[in-house]
Amino acid sequence: MTAVRRSFLPVALAGTAVLLLATGCVEDGSAASSYGSGQPQPSQQQQHPPGHSAAAGAAGQAEDDEPGLSAVRAFDIGKLVVDGGGFTLYRSDKDTAKPSKSNCAGKCAEEWPPMVSVADLKLHNIDEKLVGSLIRADGVEQVTLAGWPLYRHGTDEMPGETSGQSVNGTWFAVAPDGNKVTVTDGGLSGEFGL
């Protein structure tokens, strides 16, 4: 299935969104908070404190972007989570949250780069108790949200794009509470208060 490129921000506003995220000005205007305790949730097997991976930086993240997770409101699909560069983060129905497990490897991980855990991950409007990490089969430490492994989509070329939404009926933008963001003919659905 060919991915349809969608964007929740007009091109002219994309730079502004990145600037707002970088300065910590997000939906409710609160300042950035440091990454939580990183303590694994009891129900999340193979969880590890952040920053113990040999890999540095988040996959697909530019060198000058601050590693982080931010809750933002997309004009077309509601609240979702973006990385430090403003790129949409996704979860897969083929993964599991209890226990946390990624089933995306090889070619899948090339198209859907995992978000790599770092020690100084910043959180903006994200409950630190929901953030953790897991060690993938390839040895990379991947960030999780409510147990769900997080990914970028390789065809999202700029902040605000959501070209990975609903790909193959299994990939969805992730909401701040870890639920998947879905769009139906009747509007938005999902358990993330709009």
C-alpha atoms as a PDB file:
ATOM      1  CA  MET A   1       0.000   0.000   0.000  1.00  0.00           C
ATOM      2  CA  THR A   2       1.356   3.396  -0.918  1.00  0.00           C
ATOM      3  CA  ALA A   3       1.480   5.902   1.932  1.00  0.00           C
ATOM      4  CA  VAL A   4      -0.465   9.092   1.424  1.00  0.00           C
ATOM      5  CA  ARG A   5       1.475  12.154   2.530  1.00  0.00           C
ATOM      6  CA  ARG A   6      -0.565  14.226   4.946  1.00  0.00           C
ATOM      7  CA  SER A   7       0.431  17.205   6.969  1.00  0.00           C
ATOM      8  CA  PHE A   8      -1.339  18.740   9.916  1.00  0.00           C
ATOM      9  CA  LEU A   9       0.581  22.009   9.568  1.00  0.00           C
ATOM     10  CA  PRO A  10       0.722  24.218   6.523  1.00  0.00           C
ATOM     11  CA  VAL A  11       4.270  24.436   5.202  1.00  0.00           C
ATOM     12  CA  ALA A  12       4.571  28.072   6.303  1.00  0.00           C
ATOM     13  CA  LEU A  13       3.743  27.108   9.904  1.00  0.00           C
ATOM     14  CA  ALA A  14       6.051  24.072  10.114  1.00  0.00           C
ATOM     15  CA  GLY A  15       9.105  26.142  11.052  1.00  0.00           C
ATOM     16  CA  THR A  16       7.110  27.978  13.701  1.00  0.00           C
ATOM     17  CA  ALA A  17       5.978  24.663  15.207  1.00  0.00           C
ATOM     18  CA  VAL A  18       9.563  23.452  15.504  1.00  0.00           C
ATOM     19  CA  LEU A  19      10.564  26.753  17.102  1.00  0.00           C
ATOM     20  CA  LEU A  20       7.716  26.519  19.624  1.00  0.00           C
ATOM     21  CA  LEU A  21       8.587  22.930  20.477  1.00  0.00           C
ATOM     22  CA  ALA A  22      12.275  23.745  20.825  1.00  0.00           C
ATOM     23  CA  THR A  23      11.547  26.587  23.253  1.00  0.00           C
ATOM     24  CA  GLY A  24       9.173  24.475  25.343  1.00  0.00           C
ATOM     25  CA  CYS A  25       6.022  26.378  24.323  1.00  0.00           C
ATOM     26  CA  VAL A  26       3.530  23.650  23.674  1.00  0.00           C
ATOM     27  CA  GLU A  27      -0.230  23.363  23.825  1.00  0.00           C
ATOM     28  CA  ASP A  28      -0.756  24.693  27.357  1.00  0.00           C
ATOM     29  CA  GLY A  29       2.297  26.956  27.406  1.00  0.00           C
ATOM     30  CA  SER A  30       4.048  24.977  30.119  1.00  0.00           C
ATOM     31  CA  ALA A  31       7.804  24.770  30.180  1.00  0.00           C
ATOM     32  CA  ALA A  32       9.741  21.627  29.393  1.00  0.00           C
ATOM     33  CA  SER A  33      10.311  19.064  32.116  1.00  0.00           C
ATOM     34  CA  SER A  34      13.217  16.677  32.359  1.00  0.00           C
ATOM     35  CA  TYR A  35      12.801  13.027  31.509  1.00  0.00           C
ATOM     36  CA  GLY A  36      11.178  11.055  34.286  1.00  0.00           C
ATOM     37  CA  SER A  37      12.748   8.566  36.596  1.00  0.00           C
ATOM     38  CA  GLY A  38      12.936   6.073  33.750  1.00  0.00           C
ATOM     39  CA  GLN A  39      11.852   3.347  36.144  1.00  0.00           C
ATOM     40  CA  PRO A  40      10.277   0.421  34.345  1.00  0.00           C
ATOM     41  CA  GLN A  41       6.598  -0.217  34.803  1.00  0.00           C
ATOM     42  CA  PRO A  42       5.994  -3.577  36.529  1.00  0.00           C
ATOM     43  CA  SER A  43       3.909  -4.828  33.601  1.00  0.00           C
ATOM     44  CA  GLN A  44       6.521  -3.878  30.990  1.00  0.00           C
ATOM     45  CA  GLN A  45       8.969  -6.715  30.587  1.00  0.00           C
ATOM     46  CA  GLN A  46      12.489  -5.890  29.409  1.00  0.00           C
ATOM     47  CA  GLN A  47      12.113  -2.249  30.440  1.00  0.00           C
ATOM     48  CA  HIS A  48      15.330  -0.409  31.249  1.00  0.00           C
ATOM     49  CA  PRO A  49      16.237   3.038  32.569  1.00  0.00           C
ATOM     50  CA  PRO A  50      16.939   5.448  29.698  1.00  0.00           C
ATOM     51  CA  GLY A  51      20.374   6.128  28.297  1.00  0.00           C
ATOM     52  CA  HIS A  52      22.017   2.717  28.597  1.00  0.00           C
ATOM     53  CA  SER A  53      22.208   2.056  24.876  1.00  0.00           C
ATOM     54  CA  ALA A  54      25.371   2.155  22.812  1.00  0.00           C
ATOM     55  CA  ALA A  55      23.387   4.016  20.141  1.00  0.00           C
ATOM     56  CA  ALA A  56      23.417   7.793  20.503  1.00  0.00           C
ATOM     57  CA  GLY A  57      20.511  10.071  19.632  1.00  0.00           C
ATOM     58  CA  ALA A  58      17.080   9.252  18.305  1.00  0.00           C
ATOM     59  CA  ALA A  59      16.794   7.544  14.944  1.00  0.00           C
ATOM     60  CA  GLY A  60      15.975   9.990  12.214  1.00  0.00           C
ATOM     61  CA  GLN A  61      16.505  12.957  14.519  1.00  0.00           C
ATOM     62  CA  ALA A  62      18.700  15.832  13.392  1.00  0.00           C
ATOM     63  CA  GLU A  63      21.883  16.467  15.383  1.00  0.00           C
ATOM     64  CA  ASP A  64      20.702  19.880  16.643  1.00  0.00           C
ATOM     65  CA  ASP A  65      17.227  18.726  17.738  1.00  0.00           C
ATOM     66  CA  GLU A  66      16.712  18.311  21.472  1.00  0.00           C
ATOM     67  CA  PRO A  67      15.733  14.675  22.134  1.00  0.00           C
ATOM     68  CA  GLY A  68      12.228  14.665  23.526  1.00  0.00           C
ATOM     69  CA  LEU A  69       8.544  13.840  23.420  1.00  0.00           C
ATOM     70  CA  SER A  70       5.886  16.543  23.108  1.00  0.00           C
ATOM     71  CA  ALA A  71       2.099  16.418  23.026  1.00  0.00           C
ATOM     72  CA  VAL A  72       0.720  18.651  20.276  1.00  0.00           C
ATOM     73  CA  ARG A  73      -2.650  19.149  18.615  1.00  0.00           C
ATOM     74  CA  ALA A  74      -2.826  18.243  14.934  1.00  0.00           C
ATOM     75  CA  PHE A  75      -5.378  20.172  12.910  1.00  0.00           C
ATOM     76  CA  ASP A  76      -6.596  17.036  11.139  1.00  0.00           C
ATOM     77  CA  ILE A  77      -6.323  14.213  13.700  1.00  0.00           C
ATOM     78  CA  GLY A  78      -6.254  15.683  17.222  1.00  0.00           C
ATOM     79  CA  LYS A  79      -3.642  15.270  19.973  1.00  0.00           C
ATOM     80  CA  LEU A  80      -0.539  13.294  19.110  1.00  0.00           C
ATOM     81  CA  VAL A  81       3.093  12.917  20.155  1.00  0.00           C
ATOM     82  CA  VAL A  82       6.066  14.321  18.248  1.00  0.00           C
ATOM     83  CA  ASP A  83       9.816  14.014  18.789  1.00  0.00           C
ATOM     84  CA  GLY A  84      12.239  16.867  19.520  1.00  0.00           C
ATOM     85  CA  GLY A  85      12.289  17.836  15.839  1.00  0.00           C
ATOM     86  CA  GLY A  86       8.481  18.024  15.607  1.00  0.00           C
ATOM     87  CA  PHE A  87       8.162  14.764  13.655  1.00  0.00           C
ATOM     88  CA  THR A  88       5.133  12.555  14.305  1.00  0.00           C
ATOM     89  CA  LEU A  89       5.724   9.401  16.352  1.00  0.00           C
ATOM     90  CA  TYR A  90       3.856   6.180  15.641  1.00  0.00           C
ATOM     91  CA  ARG A  91       3.032   2.830  17.220  1.00  0.00           C
ATOM     92  CA  SER A  92       2.247  -0.491  15.568  1.00  0.00           C
ATOM     93  CA  ASP A  93      -0.601  -2.893  16.304  1.00  0.00           C
ATOM     94  CA  LYS A  94       1.883  -5.708  15.617  1.00  0.00           C
ATOM     95  CA  ASP A  95       3.892  -4.712  18.721  1.00  0.00           C
ATOM     96  CA  THR A  96       2.810  -5.385  22.293  1.00  0.00           C
ATOM     97  CA  ALA A  97       2.652  -3.105  25.333  1.00  0.00           C
ATOM     98  CA  LYS A  98       2.349  -5.763  28.058  1.00  0.00           C
ATOM     99  CA  PRO A  99       5.056  -6.890  27.870  1.00  0.00           C
ATOM    100  CA  SER A 100       6.708  -4.173  25.777  1.00  0.00           C
ATOM    101  CA  LYS A 101       7.968  -5.756  22.587  1.00  0.00           C
ATOM    102  CA  SER A 102       8.913  -4.474  19.147  1.00  0.00           C
ATOM    103  CA  ASN A 103       8.114  -6.746  16.215  1.00  0.00           C
ATOM    104  CA  CYS A 104       9.566  -4.328  13.651  1.00  0.00           C
ATOM    105  CA  ALA A 105      13.036  -5.383  12.481  1.00  0.00           C
ATOM    106  CA  GLY A 106      15.058  -5.509   9.258  1.00  0.00           C
ATOM    107  CA  LYS A 107      13.286  -3.748   6.383  1.00  0.00           C
ATOM    108  CA  CYS A 108      10.481  -2.698   8.712  1.00  0.00           C
ATOM    109  CA  ALA A 109      12.944  -0.845  10.978  1.00  0.00           C
ATOM    110  CA  GLU A 110      14.426   0.879   7.924  1.00  0.00           C
ATOM    111  CA  GLU A 111      10.997   2.243   6.962  1.00  0.00           C
ATOM    112  CA  TRP A 112       9.976   2.809  10.591  1.00  0.00           C
ATOM    113  CA  PRO A 113      13.120   3.867  12.516  1.00  0.00           C
ATOM    114  CA  PRO A 114      12.744   3.221  16.244  1.00  0.00           C
ATOM    115  CA  MET A 115      13.041   6.204  18.581  1.00  0.00           C
ATOM    116  CA  VAL A 116      16.275   5.525  20.421  1.00  0.00           C
ATOM    117  CA  SER A 117      16.415   6.243  24.146  1.00  0.00           C
ATOM    118  CA  VAL A 118      18.794   8.881  25.499  1.00  0.00           C
ATOM    119  CA  ALA A 119      19.516   9.921  29.088  1.00  0.00           C
ATOM    120  CA  ASP A 120      18.428  13.550  28.626  1.00  0.00           C
ATOM    121  CA  LEU A 121      15.070  12.987  26.931  1.00  0.00           C
ATOM    122  CA  LYS A 122      12.836  16.036  27.591  1.00  0.00           C
ATOM    123  CA  LEU A 123       9.069  15.709  28.083  1.00  0.00           C
ATOM    124  CA  HIS A 124       6.465  18.345  27.184  1.00  0.00           C
ATOM    125  CA  ASN A 125       2.891  17.588  28.343  1.00  0.00           C
ATOM    126  CA  ILE A 126       3.701  13.868  28.601  1.00  0.00           C
ATOM    127  CA  ASP A 127       3.230  11.925  31.864  1.00  0.00           C
ATOM    128  CA  GLU A 128       6.726  10.747  32.811  1.00  0.00           C
ATOM    129  CA  LYS A 129       5.242   7.613  34.425  1.00  0.00           C
ATOM    130  CA  LEU A 130       4.163   6.446  30.955  1.00  0.00           C
ATOM    131  CA  VAL A 131       7.652   6.756  29.420  1.00  0.00           C
ATOM    132  CA  GLY A 132      10.064   3.846  29.462  1.00  0.00           C
ATOM    133  CA  SER A 133      12.287   1.869  27.158  1.00  0.00           C
ATOM    134  CA  LEU A 134      12.993  -1.640  25.973  1.00  0.00           C
ATOM    135  CA  ILE A 135      15.991  -3.402  24.505  1.00  0.00           C
ATOM    136  CA  ARG A 136      15.259  -4.494  20.936  1.00  0.00           C
ATOM    137  CA  ALA A 137      16.513  -7.759  19.434  1.00  0.00           C
ATOM    138  CA  ASP A 138      19.190  -5.698  17.610  1.00  0.00           C
ATOM    139  CA  GLY A 139      20.473  -4.342  20.964  1.00  0.00           C
ATOM    140  CA  VAL A 140      19.094  -0.804  20.484  1.00  0.00           C
ATOM    141  CA  GLU A 141      17.286   0.765  23.438  1.00  0.00           C
ATOM    142  CA  GLN A 142      13.920   2.056  22.153  1.00  0.00           C
ATOM    143  CA  VAL A 143      11.614   4.585  23.848  1.00  0.00           C
ATOM    144  CA  THR A 144       8.165   3.327  24.856  1.00  0.00           C
ATOM    145  CA  LEU A 145       4.984   5.214  25.779  1.00  0.00           C
ATOM    146  CA  ALA A 146       2.508   3.295  27.963  1.00  0.00           C
ATOM    147  CA  GLY A 147       4.528   0.240  26.972  1.00  0.00           C
ATOM    148  CA  TRP A 148       4.191   0.816  23.198  1.00  0.00           C
ATOM    149  CA  PRO A 149       7.475   1.102  21.244  1.00  0.00           C
ATOM    150  CA  LEU A 150       7.732   4.440  19.367  1.00  0.00           C
ATOM    151  CA  TYR A 151       8.830   4.973  15.753  1.00  0.00           C
ATOM    152  CA  ARG A 152       9.198   7.652  13.087  1.00  0.00           C
ATOM    153  CA  HIS A 153       7.975   7.039   9.540  1.00  0.00           C
ATOM    154  CA  GLY A 154      10.689   7.204   6.899  1.00  0.00           C
ATOM    155  CA  THR A 155       8.560   9.178   4.434  1.00  0.00           C
ATOM    156  CA  ASP A 156       7.689  12.009   6.841  1.00  0.00           C
ATOM    157  CA  GLU A 157      10.048  14.621   5.395  1.00  0.00           C
ATOM    158  CA  MET A 158       9.150  17.593   7.569  1.00  0.00           C
ATOM    159  CA  PRO A 159       7.624  18.331  10.972  1.00  0.00           C
ATOM    160  CA  GLY A 160       3.866  17.930  11.045  1.00  0.00           C
ATOM    161  CA  GLU A 161       3.554  15.284   8.352  1.00  0.00           C
ATOM    162  CA  THR A 162       1.472  12.209   9.180  1.00  0.00           C
ATOM    163  CA  SER A 163       2.111  10.039   6.128  1.00  0.00           C
ATOM    164  CA  GLY A 164       2.432   6.973   8.371  1.00  0.00           C
ATOM    165  CA  GLN A 165      -1.119   7.273   9.720  1.00  0.00           C
ATOM    166  CA  SER A 166      -3.128   4.075   9.099  1.00  0.00           C
ATOM    167  CA  VAL A 167      -0.449   2.473   6.880  1.00  0.00           C
ATOM    168  CA  ASN A 168      -1.367  -1.191   6.320  1.00  0.00           C
ATOM    169  CA  GLY A 169      -4.106  -0.743   8.917  1.00  0.00           C
ATOM    170  CA  THR A 170      -1.537  -1.324  11.684  1.00  0.00           C
ATOM    171  CA  TRP A 171       0.481   1.907  12.058  1.00  0.00           C
ATOM    172  CA  PHE A 172      -1.002   4.900  13.869  1.00  0.00           C
ATOM    173  CA  ALA A 173       0.154   8.192  15.310  1.00  0.00           C
ATOM    174  CA  VAL A 174       0.431   7.814  19.067  1.00  0.00           C
ATOM    175  CA  ALA A 175      -1.651   9.892  21.496  1.00  0.00           C
ATOM    176  CA  PRO A 176      -0.077  11.366  24.680  1.00  0.00           C
ATOM    177  CA  ASP A 177      -1.565   8.538  26.758  1.00  0.00           C
ATOM    178  CA  GLY A 178      -0.088   5.834  24.487  1.00  0.00           C
ATOM    179  CA  ASN A 179      -3.337   5.024  22.700  1.00  0.00           C
ATOM    180  CA  LYS A 180      -3.418   5.062  18.924  1.00  0.00           C
ATOM    181  CA  VAL A 181      -4.936   8.023  17.107  1.00  0.00           C
ATOM    182  CA  THR A 182      -7.642   6.922  14.693  1.00  0.00           C
ATOM    183  CA  VAL A 183      -9.796   8.890  12.301  1.00  0.00           C
ATOM    184  CA  THR A 184     -13.209   7.637  11.243  1.00  0.00           C
ATOM    185  CA  ASP A 185     -15.766   9.019   8.783  1.00  0.00           C
ATOM    186  CA  GLY A 186     -17.600  10.482  11.769  1.00  0.00           C
ATOM    187  CA  GLY A 187     -14.505  12.289  13.049  1.00  0.00           C
ATOM    188  CA  LEU A 188     -11.859  11.439  15.605  1.00  0.00           C
ATOM    189  CA  SER A 189     -11.854   8.431  17.841  1.00  0.00           C
ATOM    190  CA  GLY A 190      -9.508   7.395  20.601  1.00  0.00           C
ATOM    191  CA  GLU A 191      -9.216   7.827  24.336  1.00  0.00           C
ATOM    192  CA  PHE A 192      -7.416  11.172  24.449  1.00  0.00           C
ATOM    193  CA  GLY A 193      -9.606  14.055  25.571  1.00  0.00           C
ATOM    194  CA  LEU A 194      -9.897  16.669  22.848  1.00  0.00           C
END
